[in-house]
Amino acid sequence: MAASSFDLAGMKPALQFRLHQQLTLTPQLQQAIRLLQLSQLELEAELRQIAESNPLLEFAEEAEDEETVDRESAESEYPSAESVAAAGSTDSEDTGEWADGGGAEAPIDFSSSSVGSSGSLGSRGDDDFEPQNAAPETLQQHLLWQLNMASFNPRQHLIATVLIDALNASGYLNEGLEAVLAVLPADLKASLDEVDAVRRQLQGFDPAGVGSLDLRDCLRVQLEQFDPATPQRELALRIVDSELELLARNDIARLARRLRAGEDDVAAAAVLIRSLDPRPGASLDATPVEYVAPDVYALRDGSRWRVSLNPDAQPRLGLNQHYCGLIAQARGEDASWMRGQLQEARWLIKSLESRAETLLKVAEAIVRRQSAFLDYGPEAMHPLVLREVAEEVAMHESTISRVTTRKYIHTPRGTFELKYFFSSGVSTEDGGTASATAIQAMLRKLIDAEDARKPLSDQAIAEELQRKGIQVARRTVAKYREGLRIPSSSERQRAG
């Protein structure tokens, strides 16, 4: 990027070059990233809500139901020889299936999105799937987890912790920056500008927009993450900055006059804004326990592990060809509205495709890094942080956080949240690192094998781990033990 300037001494024009890197996201990828924070059930519910308001979208089963009704209706008028024979048979079991025949665009089906042989999914069989409960995670817990994985200095970490604690259920900072400043320790001597700078970094966490002061601030942050070349991005920013009231009334004609823009452009900008999340924290509000179905599978194929998407967990959404055909016949505002709905439908379908591709890519990266865990168990878990996977798949850390939150992988060792495979490292005697998960597994193994009459103290466990080459302090052992909800040695002795 070049910029001209003047040499004040000689009053001569000079040319300076500045290079910078910028991560650009297409609208489809941006929407897919937003959808990544939803669990399977939440995604299904949101898609059905969108489909109810957009006639150009339909689920595969709806199209199949309509086709079945049409075929049954046609057969009732003109019964085929096969149906007559079937009606006269004493066997009441169905002898055929309806063939796919059209009426709706082929729905999205991700069943082929797998690594390796096409038979890998079919080979899993009924290998003892047991439903597991997904513990509800609060917004604060989700943000603190990201904070601990981020590159914040101790001062910023403290400010961010207070900011996170002050967020309401929707993810907003309703009390304002002054209230946060008043809670911070006086000896920190933080300024309002410093608190606001940390808050702006927090807004880039997942979900995007948390820590905003109001709706306009929240929407602007999400729009700014789009590629600057995104069609109607600048127009959408103008609407957010000054015309949210007209947008709420969906007054496209007046918006177009006010902004001196075409109605089609304004309608496209409105679609872009409606793809944003006005309550980014709500999706992570504590919810009732739900049963978990895996999003992906990890299965051994010979000497390597292969990862595939669960086809039953992928939404099958397509375009309704009947309504698509009506667009050419529409005129005026109806045509503009239907084109906007079609664009929104296409973006959503592309976003779902990107969501599936991203989920598979991240799961593959995690399985590559943690193949030792799959082979040998928790004690072989390697330290892993968001940044490492983000660099491997060329994505932002916040995207990895979205992908790994409430997304589950089924392995021969059980079904786990993808977030489970991340943990910090502890130094070992040979200069390497061991993951916190591996150390917890060793700790549990030591306690399971202890003499019930003489339980191991935290200090004794620390010393035993040190003999294994893991440099861990007694207080760290105590923290891990409490995290595993294992009583202290004195309480274990009394219980024994």
Protein backbone atom coordinates (compact mmCIF):
# COMPACT_ATOMS: atom_id res chain seq x y z
CA MET A 1 0.00 0.00 0.00
CA ALA A 2 1.60 3.28 -1.05
CA ALA A 3 1.09 6.72 0.45
CA SER A 4 2.57 10.02 -0.73
CA SER A 5 4.07 12.54 1.73
CA PHE A 6 6.28 15.65 1.67
CA ASP A 7 9.89 16.04 2.78
CA LEU A 8 9.60 19.17 4.97
CA ALA A 9 13.33 19.96 4.68
CA GLY A 10 13.49 19.96 0.91
CA MET A 11 9.73 20.31 0.29
CA LYS A 12 9.97 17.37 -2.11
CA PRO A 13 7.31 14.74 -2.48
CA ALA A 14 8.35 11.32 -1.21
CA LEU A 15 6.82 7.91 -1.64
CA GLN A 16 6.52 5.50 1.27
CA PHE A 17 5.48 1.87 1.15
CA ARG A 18 3.74 0.16 4.03
CA LEU A 19 3.01 -3.56 4.00
CA HIS A 20 0.44 -5.15 6.25
CA GLN A 21 -1.43 -8.43 6.47
CA GLN A 22 -5.18 -8.68 6.84
CA LEU A 23 -7.42 -11.70 7.28
CA THR A 24 -10.31 -11.41 4.83
CA LEU A 25 -13.53 -13.34 5.20
CA THR A 26 -16.19 -13.85 2.58
CA PRO A 27 -19.81 -13.31 3.67
CA GLN A 28 -20.39 -17.06 3.38
CA LEU A 29 -17.45 -17.88 5.64
CA GLN A 30 -18.42 -15.13 8.08
CA GLN A 31 -21.91 -16.54 8.39
CA ALA A 32 -20.54 -20.08 8.73
CA ILE A 33 -18.30 -18.90 11.58
CA ARG A 34 -21.34 -17.45 13.34
CA LEU A 35 -23.24 -20.71 12.89
CA LEU A 36 -20.31 -22.66 14.30
CA GLN A 37 -21.11 -21.53 17.84
CA LEU A 38 -24.45 -23.38 17.72
CA SER A 39 -24.87 -26.97 18.86
CA GLN A 40 -26.69 -29.44 16.62
CA LEU A 41 -30.07 -28.85 18.28
CA GLU A 42 -29.65 -25.08 18.29
CA LEU A 43 -28.63 -25.10 14.63
CA GLU A 44 -31.65 -27.20 13.69
CA ALA A 45 -33.98 -24.86 15.59
CA GLU A 46 -32.48 -21.73 14.05
CA LEU A 47 -32.60 -23.13 10.52
CA ARG A 48 -36.25 -24.10 10.92
CA GLN A 49 -37.05 -20.62 12.17
CA ILE A 50 -35.27 -19.08 9.17
CA ALA A 51 -36.99 -21.49 6.77
CA GLU A 52 -40.40 -20.49 8.18
CA SER A 53 -39.77 -16.86 7.27
CA ASN A 54 -38.08 -17.56 3.92
CA PRO A 55 -40.28 -19.42 1.40
CA LEU A 56 -37.30 -20.14 -0.83
CA LEU A 57 -35.81 -22.52 1.75
CA GLU A 58 -36.99 -26.01 2.60
CA PHE A 59 -35.71 -29.11 4.35
CA ALA A 60 -35.21 -32.31 2.40
CA GLU A 61 -37.86 -34.24 4.33
CA GLU A 62 -40.44 -31.54 3.55
CA ALA A 63 -39.72 -31.83 -0.17
CA GLU A 64 -39.89 -35.63 0.07
CA ASP A 65 -43.21 -35.45 1.96
CA GLU A 66 -44.72 -33.18 -0.71
CA GLU A 67 -43.50 -35.49 -3.47
CA THR A 68 -44.91 -38.52 -1.70
CA VAL A 69 -48.30 -36.82 -1.36
CA ASP A 70 -48.28 -35.91 -5.07
CA ARG A 71 -47.38 -39.45 -6.10
CA GLU A 72 -50.01 -41.00 -3.82
CA SER A 73 -52.59 -38.60 -5.19
CA ALA A 74 -51.65 -39.51 -8.76
CA GLU A 75 -51.75 -43.22 -7.99
CA SER A 76 -55.19 -42.94 -6.42
CA GLU A 77 -56.46 -41.59 -9.75
CA TYR A 78 -54.43 -43.87 -12.02
CA PRO A 79 -53.33 -46.98 -10.09
CA SER A 80 -50.40 -48.82 -11.58
CA ALA A 81 -50.25 -52.55 -12.21
CA GLU A 82 -47.77 -52.87 -9.36
CA SER A 83 -50.06 -51.09 -6.89
CA VAL A 84 -53.03 -53.22 -7.93
CA ALA A 85 -50.95 -56.36 -7.40
CA ALA A 86 -49.76 -55.11 -4.05
CA ALA A 87 -53.32 -54.32 -2.97
CA GLY A 88 -54.37 -57.88 -3.79
CA SER A 89 -51.47 -59.44 -1.91
CA THR A 90 -51.87 -60.91 1.58
CA ASP A 91 -48.46 -59.51 2.52
CA SER A 92 -49.04 -56.09 4.08
CA GLU A 93 -45.35 -55.12 4.03
CA ASP A 94 -44.33 -52.38 1.60
CA THR A 95 -42.53 -53.79 -1.42
CA GLY A 96 -41.03 -50.66 -2.90
CA GLU A 97 -39.80 -47.10 -2.28
CA TRP A 98 -40.65 -43.82 -3.93
CA ALA A 99 -37.87 -42.64 -6.19
CA ASP A 100 -36.57 -39.08 -6.02
CA GLY A 101 -38.21 -37.13 -8.74
CA GLY A 102 -37.63 -33.38 -8.51
CA GLY A 103 -39.68 -30.48 -7.24
CA ALA A 104 -36.84 -29.24 -5.04
CA GLU A 105 -33.17 -28.60 -5.53
CA ALA A 106 -30.99 -31.42 -4.23
CA PRO A 107 -30.55 -30.78 -0.51
CA ILE A 108 -27.17 -30.38 1.10
CA ASP A 109 -25.92 -33.79 2.11
CA PHE A 110 -22.51 -33.95 3.75
CA SER A 111 -22.40 -37.73 4.07
CA SER A 112 -19.60 -37.90 1.50
CA SER A 113 -17.46 -35.35 3.34
CA SER A 114 -15.07 -37.87 4.84
CA VAL A 115 -11.37 -38.56 4.72
CA GLY A 116 -10.36 -41.88 3.24
CA SER A 117 -12.48 -44.73 1.97
CA SER A 118 -16.17 -44.26 1.43
CA GLY A 119 -16.89 -47.24 3.60
CA SER A 120 -15.33 -45.78 6.74
CA LEU A 121 -18.63 -44.63 8.20
CA GLY A 122 -20.43 -47.83 7.46
CA SER A 123 -17.76 -49.81 9.27
CA ARG A 124 -18.41 -48.23 12.63
CA GLY A 125 -21.43 -50.46 13.32
CA ASP A 126 -23.24 -50.31 16.63
CA ASP A 127 -20.12 -49.80 18.73
CA ASP A 128 -21.79 -49.09 22.05
CA PHE A 129 -22.97 -45.53 21.54
CA GLU A 130 -24.17 -44.22 24.88
CA PRO A 131 -25.81 -40.82 25.19
CA GLN A 132 -23.77 -38.42 27.29
CA ASN A 133 -25.00 -35.29 28.95
CA ALA A 134 -23.61 -31.98 27.80
CA ALA A 135 -22.92 -29.84 30.85
CA PRO A 136 -24.28 -26.32 30.29
CA GLU A 137 -21.53 -23.74 29.89
CA THR A 138 -22.06 -20.13 30.85
CA LEU A 139 -20.91 -17.21 28.73
CA GLN A 140 -18.39 -16.26 31.40
CA GLN A 141 -16.87 -19.75 31.48
CA HIS A 142 -16.58 -19.81 27.70
CA LEU A 143 -14.86 -16.41 27.60
CA LEU A 144 -12.53 -17.18 30.50
CA TRP A 145 -11.43 -20.34 28.72
CA GLN A 146 -10.50 -18.26 25.67
CA LEU A 147 -8.84 -15.65 27.87
CA ASN A 148 -6.57 -18.28 29.41
CA MET A 149 -5.56 -19.36 25.91
CA ALA A 150 -4.96 -15.78 24.67
CA SER A 151 -1.74 -13.77 24.75
CA PHE A 152 -2.72 -11.24 27.42
CA ASN A 153 -0.23 -9.86 29.91
CA PRO A 154 -1.18 -10.10 33.64
CA ARG A 155 -2.51 -6.55 33.70
CA GLN A 156 -4.74 -7.06 30.66
CA HIS A 157 -5.80 -10.46 32.00
CA LEU A 158 -7.08 -8.90 35.23
CA ILE A 159 -9.01 -6.17 33.39
CA ALA A 160 -10.50 -8.70 30.96
CA THR A 161 -11.58 -10.93 33.86
CA VAL A 162 -13.49 -8.06 35.46
CA LEU A 163 -15.04 -7.12 32.11
CA ILE A 164 -16.20 -10.70 31.52
CA ASP A 165 -17.73 -10.87 34.98
CA ALA A 166 -19.69 -7.66 34.28
CA LEU A 167 -21.38 -8.95 31.09
CA ASN A 168 -25.10 -9.64 31.12
CA ALA A 169 -26.73 -12.76 29.65
CA SER A 170 -26.85 -11.18 26.17
CA GLY A 171 -23.14 -10.38 26.25
CA TYR A 172 -23.46 -6.62 26.74
CA LEU A 173 -21.62 -4.35 29.17
CA ASN A 174 -24.70 -2.53 30.39
CA GLU A 175 -23.09 -0.92 33.42
CA GLY A 176 -20.54 0.94 31.32
CA LEU A 177 -16.77 1.25 31.56
CA GLU A 178 -16.86 3.47 34.64
CA ALA A 179 -18.42 0.69 36.70
CA VAL A 180 -15.67 -1.71 35.61
CA LEU A 181 -12.99 0.85 36.42
CA ALA A 182 -14.45 1.28 39.92
CA VAL A 183 -14.18 -2.48 40.60
CA LEU A 184 -10.53 -2.76 39.56
CA PRO A 185 -7.88 -2.61 42.36
CA ALA A 186 -6.82 0.94 43.07
CA ASP A 187 -3.12 0.07 42.95
CA LEU A 188 -3.57 -1.05 39.34
CA LYS A 189 -4.07 2.62 38.39
CA ALA A 190 -5.90 1.67 35.20
CA SER A 191 -7.34 4.35 32.94
CA LEU A 192 -10.68 4.40 31.15
CA ASP A 193 -8.88 4.22 27.80
CA GLU A 194 -6.93 1.15 28.93
CA VAL A 195 -10.11 -0.63 30.03
CA ASP A 196 -11.77 0.24 26.73
CA ALA A 197 -8.77 -1.09 24.77
CA VAL A 198 -9.06 -4.45 26.55
CA ARG A 199 -12.82 -4.41 25.97
CA ARG A 200 -12.27 -3.99 22.23
CA GLN A 201 -9.96 -7.01 22.24
CA LEU A 202 -12.65 -8.93 24.10
CA GLN A 203 -15.13 -8.08 21.35
CA GLY A 204 -13.07 -10.22 18.98
CA PHE A 205 -13.58 -13.29 21.14
CA ASP A 206 -16.22 -15.88 20.36
CA PRO A 207 -19.04 -15.03 20.11
CA ALA A 208 -18.09 -11.89 18.20
CA GLY A 209 -19.54 -8.71 19.65
CA VAL A 210 -19.47 -9.64 23.35
CA GLY A 211 -18.50 -6.73 25.55
CA SER A 212 -20.36 -4.20 23.40
CA LEU A 213 -21.91 -1.15 24.99
CA ASP A 214 -25.06 -1.12 22.83
CA LEU A 215 -26.66 -2.74 19.78
CA ARG A 216 -25.00 -0.38 17.32
CA ASP A 217 -21.57 -1.16 18.76
CA CYS A 218 -22.31 -4.90 18.66
CA LEU A 219 -23.43 -4.94 15.01
CA ARG A 220 -20.59 -2.69 13.88
CA VAL A 221 -17.97 -5.00 15.40
CA GLN A 222 -19.41 -7.98 13.54
CA LEU A 223 -19.63 -6.07 10.25
CA GLU A 224 -16.03 -4.90 10.57
CA GLN A 225 -14.92 -8.53 10.54
CA PHE A 226 -16.17 -8.90 6.97
CA ASP A 227 -13.80 -8.53 4.05
CA PRO A 228 -13.83 -4.81 3.09
CA ALA A 229 -14.63 -5.94 -0.46
CA THR A 230 -17.86 -7.61 0.68
CA PRO A 231 -20.77 -6.25 -1.40
CA GLN A 232 -22.83 -3.67 0.52
CA ARG A 233 -20.60 -3.85 3.62
CA GLU A 234 -20.06 -0.09 3.68
CA LEU A 235 -23.76 0.55 3.10
CA ALA A 236 -24.59 -1.82 5.96
CA LEU A 237 -22.19 0.09 8.23
CA ARG A 238 -23.94 3.36 7.33
CA ILE A 239 -27.32 1.82 8.18
CA VAL A 240 -26.02 0.54 11.52
CA ASP A 241 -24.47 3.91 12.36
CA SER A 242 -27.49 6.08 11.66
CA GLU A 243 -30.58 4.26 10.39
CA LEU A 244 -31.30 1.31 12.68
CA GLU A 245 -34.81 2.58 13.38
CA LEU A 246 -35.76 2.52 9.68
CA LEU A 247 -34.17 -0.90 9.34
CA ALA A 248 -36.26 -2.19 12.24
CA ARG A 249 -39.37 -1.04 10.35
CA ASN A 250 -38.01 -2.68 7.17
CA ASP A 251 -38.68 0.57 5.31
CA ILE A 252 -36.38 -0.18 2.37
CA ALA A 253 -37.76 2.61 0.17
CA ARG A 254 -37.13 5.34 2.76
CA LEU A 255 -33.72 3.90 3.61
CA ALA A 256 -32.79 4.04 -0.06
CA ARG A 257 -33.86 7.70 -0.30
CA ARG A 258 -32.11 8.63 2.95
CA LEU A 259 -28.86 6.96 1.94
CA ARG A 260 -29.10 7.90 -1.75
CA ALA A 261 -28.73 4.26 -2.78
CA GLY A 262 -30.64 1.78 -4.92
CA GLU A 263 -33.36 -0.28 -3.27
CA ASP A 264 -31.75 -3.54 -4.35
CA ASP A 265 -28.46 -2.48 -2.73
CA VAL A 266 -30.25 -1.46 0.46
CA ALA A 267 -32.15 -4.76 0.53
CA ALA A 268 -28.86 -6.66 0.17
CA ALA A 269 -27.30 -4.58 2.97
CA ALA A 270 -30.32 -5.36 5.16
CA VAL A 271 -29.84 -9.09 4.51
CA LEU A 272 -26.20 -8.72 5.54
CA ILE A 273 -27.15 -6.99 8.81
CA ARG A 274 -29.82 -9.57 9.62
CA SER A 275 -27.18 -12.30 9.33
CA LEU A 276 -25.52 -10.80 12.43
CA ASP A 277 -26.28 -11.74 16.03
CA PRO A 278 -27.81 -8.88 18.10
CA ARG A 279 -27.50 -10.93 21.33
CA PRO A 280 -24.16 -12.72 21.01
CA GLY A 281 -24.14 -13.98 24.59
CA ALA A 282 -27.61 -15.54 24.52
CA SER A 283 -26.48 -18.67 22.68
CA LEU A 284 -24.18 -19.50 25.59
CA ASP A 285 -26.67 -18.84 28.34
CA ALA A 286 -27.03 -21.79 30.72
CA THR A 287 -29.48 -24.22 29.12
CA PRO A 288 -31.08 -27.46 30.23
CA VAL A 289 -29.02 -30.61 29.77
CA GLU A 290 -29.30 -32.12 26.31
CA TYR A 291 -28.27 -35.48 24.92
CA VAL A 292 -25.17 -35.46 22.79
CA ALA A 293 -24.88 -36.93 19.31
CA PRO A 294 -21.41 -36.81 17.74
CA ASP A 295 -20.73 -34.26 15.01
CA VAL A 296 -17.73 -36.22 13.71
CA TYR A 297 -16.23 -39.69 14.00
CA ALA A 298 -12.61 -40.74 14.44
CA LEU A 299 -12.00 -44.35 13.43
CA ARG A 300 -8.82 -46.33 12.92
CA ASP A 301 -8.23 -47.49 9.35
CA GLY A 302 -5.18 -49.73 9.32
CA SER A 303 -2.23 -47.76 10.63
CA ARG A 304 -3.88 -44.32 10.62
CA TRP A 305 -6.86 -42.50 12.04
CA ARG A 306 -9.56 -41.24 9.70
CA VAL A 307 -12.08 -38.52 10.45
CA SER A 308 -15.54 -38.16 8.92
CA LEU A 309 -18.61 -36.05 9.51
CA ASN A 310 -21.72 -37.62 10.99
CA PRO A 311 -24.20 -37.37 8.06
CA ASP A 312 -27.16 -37.57 10.44
CA ALA A 313 -25.94 -34.44 12.23
CA GLN A 314 -25.75 -32.30 9.07
CA PRO A 315 -28.84 -30.27 8.09
CA ARG A 316 -30.26 -31.09 4.66
CA LEU A 317 -31.45 -27.73 3.40
CA GLY A 318 -32.21 -26.73 -0.18
CA LEU A 319 -33.98 -24.19 -2.40
CA ASN A 320 -37.67 -24.54 -3.20
CA GLN A 321 -37.70 -24.55 -6.98
CA HIS A 322 -41.37 -23.59 -7.16
CA TYR A 323 -40.79 -20.25 -5.44
CA CYS A 324 -37.50 -19.75 -7.28
CA GLY A 325 -39.46 -19.96 -10.53
CA LEU A 326 -41.83 -17.20 -9.38
CA ILE A 327 -39.05 -14.62 -9.07
CA ALA A 328 -38.94 -14.01 -12.83
CA GLN A 329 -42.67 -13.26 -12.81
CA ALA A 330 -42.57 -10.87 -9.83
CA ARG A 331 -42.49 -7.11 -10.27
CA GLY A 332 -41.65 -4.06 -8.16
CA GLU A 333 -41.26 -4.47 -4.40
CA ASP A 334 -42.22 -8.14 -4.60
CA ALA A 335 -39.34 -8.83 -6.97
CA SER A 336 -36.89 -6.93 -4.76
CA TRP A 337 -38.07 -8.80 -1.66
CA MET A 338 -37.86 -12.22 -3.34
CA ARG A 339 -34.39 -11.52 -4.72
CA GLY A 340 -33.30 -10.58 -1.21
CA GLN A 341 -34.78 -13.81 0.15
CA LEU A 342 -33.03 -15.81 -2.58
CA GLN A 343 -29.69 -14.17 -1.78
CA GLU A 344 -30.18 -14.86 1.91
CA ALA A 345 -31.06 -18.50 1.17
CA ARG A 346 -27.99 -18.99 -1.00
CA TRP A 347 -25.73 -17.40 1.60
CA LEU A 348 -27.16 -19.66 4.28
CA ILE A 349 -26.63 -22.80 2.20
CA LYS A 350 -23.05 -21.77 1.40
CA SER A 351 -22.48 -21.00 5.09
CA LEU A 352 -23.66 -24.47 6.06
CA GLU A 353 -21.25 -25.97 3.54
CA SER A 354 -18.41 -23.86 4.99
CA ARG A 355 -19.46 -24.87 8.50
CA ALA A 356 -19.17 -28.56 7.65
CA GLU A 357 -15.84 -28.11 5.87
CA THR A 358 -14.40 -26.10 8.76
CA LEU A 359 -15.61 -28.57 11.37
CA LEU A 360 -14.04 -31.47 9.47
CA LYS A 361 -10.76 -29.62 8.91
CA VAL A 362 -10.39 -28.68 12.59
CA ALA A 363 -11.36 -32.17 13.78
CA GLU A 364 -8.73 -33.67 11.46
CA ALA A 365 -6.07 -31.32 12.85
CA ILE A 366 -6.99 -32.24 16.44
CA VAL A 367 -6.91 -35.97 15.69
CA ARG A 368 -3.48 -35.61 14.06
CA ARG A 369 -2.15 -33.83 17.15
CA GLN A 370 -3.80 -36.18 19.64
CA SER A 371 -3.45 -39.54 17.90
CA ALA A 372 -1.41 -40.78 20.88
CA PHE A 373 -4.44 -40.22 23.11
CA LEU A 374 -6.57 -42.30 20.75
CA ASP A 375 -3.93 -45.03 20.73
CA TYR A 376 -2.93 -45.15 24.39
CA GLY A 377 -5.42 -43.13 26.47
CA PRO A 378 -5.47 -39.88 28.51
CA GLU A 379 -1.94 -40.31 29.85
CA ALA A 380 -0.64 -39.84 26.30
CA MET A 381 -2.50 -36.56 25.71
CA HIS A 382 -0.22 -33.83 24.32
CA PRO A 383 -0.38 -30.16 25.36
CA LEU A 384 -2.41 -28.24 22.79
CA VAL A 385 -3.59 -24.63 22.59
CA LEU A 386 -5.89 -22.84 20.16
CA ARG A 387 -3.05 -21.05 18.43
CA GLU A 388 -1.41 -24.30 17.27
CA VAL A 389 -4.53 -25.60 15.52
CA ALA A 390 -5.33 -22.11 14.19
CA GLU A 391 -1.92 -21.90 12.53
CA GLU A 392 -2.20 -25.40 11.07
CA VAL A 393 -5.58 -24.79 9.43
CA ALA A 394 -4.92 -21.08 8.65
CA MET A 395 -7.82 -19.75 10.72
CA HIS A 396 -8.26 -17.30 13.59
CA GLU A 397 -8.12 -18.56 17.18
CA SER A 398 -11.68 -17.37 17.80
CA THR A 399 -12.84 -19.55 14.90
CA ILE A 400 -11.17 -22.59 16.47
CA SER A 401 -12.92 -21.75 19.73
CA ARG A 402 -16.29 -21.72 17.97
CA VAL A 403 -15.61 -25.02 16.21
CA THR A 404 -14.58 -26.81 19.38
CA THR A 405 -17.39 -25.57 21.63
CA ARG A 406 -20.32 -27.99 21.98
CA LYS A 407 -19.14 -30.03 19.01
CA TYR A 408 -18.51 -33.67 19.77
CA ILE A 409 -16.33 -36.40 18.32
CA HIS A 410 -16.97 -40.11 18.77
CA THR A 411 -13.86 -42.27 19.16
CA PRO A 412 -13.27 -45.85 20.28
CA ARG A 413 -12.46 -44.32 23.69
CA GLY A 414 -15.78 -42.52 23.97
CA THR A 415 -17.49 -39.32 22.85
CA PHE A 416 -15.74 -36.07 23.76
CA GLU A 417 -16.28 -32.36 23.24
CA LEU A 418 -13.58 -31.15 20.86
CA LYS A 419 -12.55 -28.62 23.50
CA TYR A 420 -11.50 -31.57 25.70
CA PHE A 421 -8.37 -32.07 23.59
CA PHE A 422 -6.93 -28.67 24.52
CA SER A 423 -4.86 -28.19 27.66
CA SER A 424 -1.85 -26.24 28.84
CA GLY A 425 1.57 -27.83 29.25
CA VAL A 426 3.73 -28.60 32.28
CA SER A 427 7.51 -28.88 32.00
CA THR A 428 9.15 -32.29 32.13
CA GLU A 429 12.63 -33.29 33.24
CA ASP A 430 13.89 -33.82 29.70
CA GLY A 431 12.89 -30.31 28.64
CA GLY A 432 9.58 -31.29 27.04
CA THR A 433 6.02 -30.70 28.20
CA ALA A 434 3.15 -32.86 29.42
CA SER A 435 -0.49 -31.83 29.09
CA ALA A 436 -2.63 -31.08 32.12
CA THR A 437 -5.05 -33.79 30.95
CA ALA A 438 -2.26 -36.39 30.92
CA ILE A 439 -1.14 -35.36 34.41
CA GLN A 440 -4.70 -35.60 35.70
CA ALA A 441 -4.94 -39.11 34.26
CA MET A 442 -1.68 -40.08 36.00
CA LEU A 443 -2.93 -38.54 39.24
CA ARG A 444 -6.16 -40.52 39.11
CA LYS A 445 -4.24 -43.71 38.32
CA LEU A 446 -1.98 -43.19 41.35
CA ILE A 447 -4.95 -42.60 43.66
CA ASP A 448 -6.86 -45.59 42.28
CA ALA A 449 -3.86 -47.81 43.09
CA GLU A 450 -3.10 -46.35 46.55
CA ASP A 451 -3.42 -48.19 49.84
CA ALA A 452 -6.83 -47.17 51.20
CA ARG A 453 -5.41 -47.26 54.73
CA LYS A 454 -2.59 -44.86 53.76
CA PRO A 455 -3.87 -42.52 51.02
CA LEU A 456 -1.29 -40.50 49.12
CA SER A 457 -0.98 -36.86 50.13
CA ASP A 458 -0.72 -34.14 47.49
CA GLN A 459 2.99 -33.82 48.28
CA ALA A 460 3.52 -37.56 47.87
CA ILE A 461 1.73 -37.48 44.50
CA ALA A 462 3.87 -34.51 43.39
CA GLU A 463 7.02 -36.39 44.33
CA GLU A 464 5.86 -39.51 42.48
CA LEU A 465 5.15 -37.46 39.37
CA GLN A 466 8.57 -35.84 39.67
CA ARG A 467 10.14 -39.31 39.72
CA LYS A 468 8.35 -39.86 36.40
CA GLY A 469 10.07 -36.73 35.09
CA ILE A 470 7.13 -34.30 35.44
CA GLN A 471 7.97 -31.10 37.30
CA VAL A 472 4.78 -30.31 39.19
CA ALA A 473 4.28 -28.53 42.53
CA ARG A 474 2.09 -29.75 45.39
CA ARG A 475 -0.36 -26.89 44.92
CA THR A 476 -0.75 -27.86 41.23
CA VAL A 477 -1.54 -31.41 42.27
CA ALA A 478 -4.14 -30.08 44.71
CA LYS A 479 -5.71 -27.98 41.95
CA TYR A 480 -5.91 -30.94 39.55
CA ARG A 481 -7.26 -33.22 42.28
CA GLU A 482 -10.00 -30.74 43.17
CA GLY A 483 -10.81 -30.35 39.47
CA LEU A 484 -11.34 -34.10 39.31
CA ARG A 485 -13.52 -33.87 42.44
CA ILE A 486 -11.30 -36.26 44.34
CA PRO A 487 -11.33 -35.72 48.14
CA SER A 488 -8.14 -34.94 50.06
CA SER A 489 -6.05 -37.78 51.54
CA SER A 490 -7.53 -37.29 55.02
CA GLU A 491 -11.09 -37.41 53.64
CA ARG A 492 -10.26 -40.51 51.56
CA GLN A 493 -8.83 -42.21 54.64
CA ARG A 494 -11.98 -41.53 56.66
CA ALA A 495 -14.16 -42.74 53.80
CA GLY A 496 -12.09 -45.94 53.55
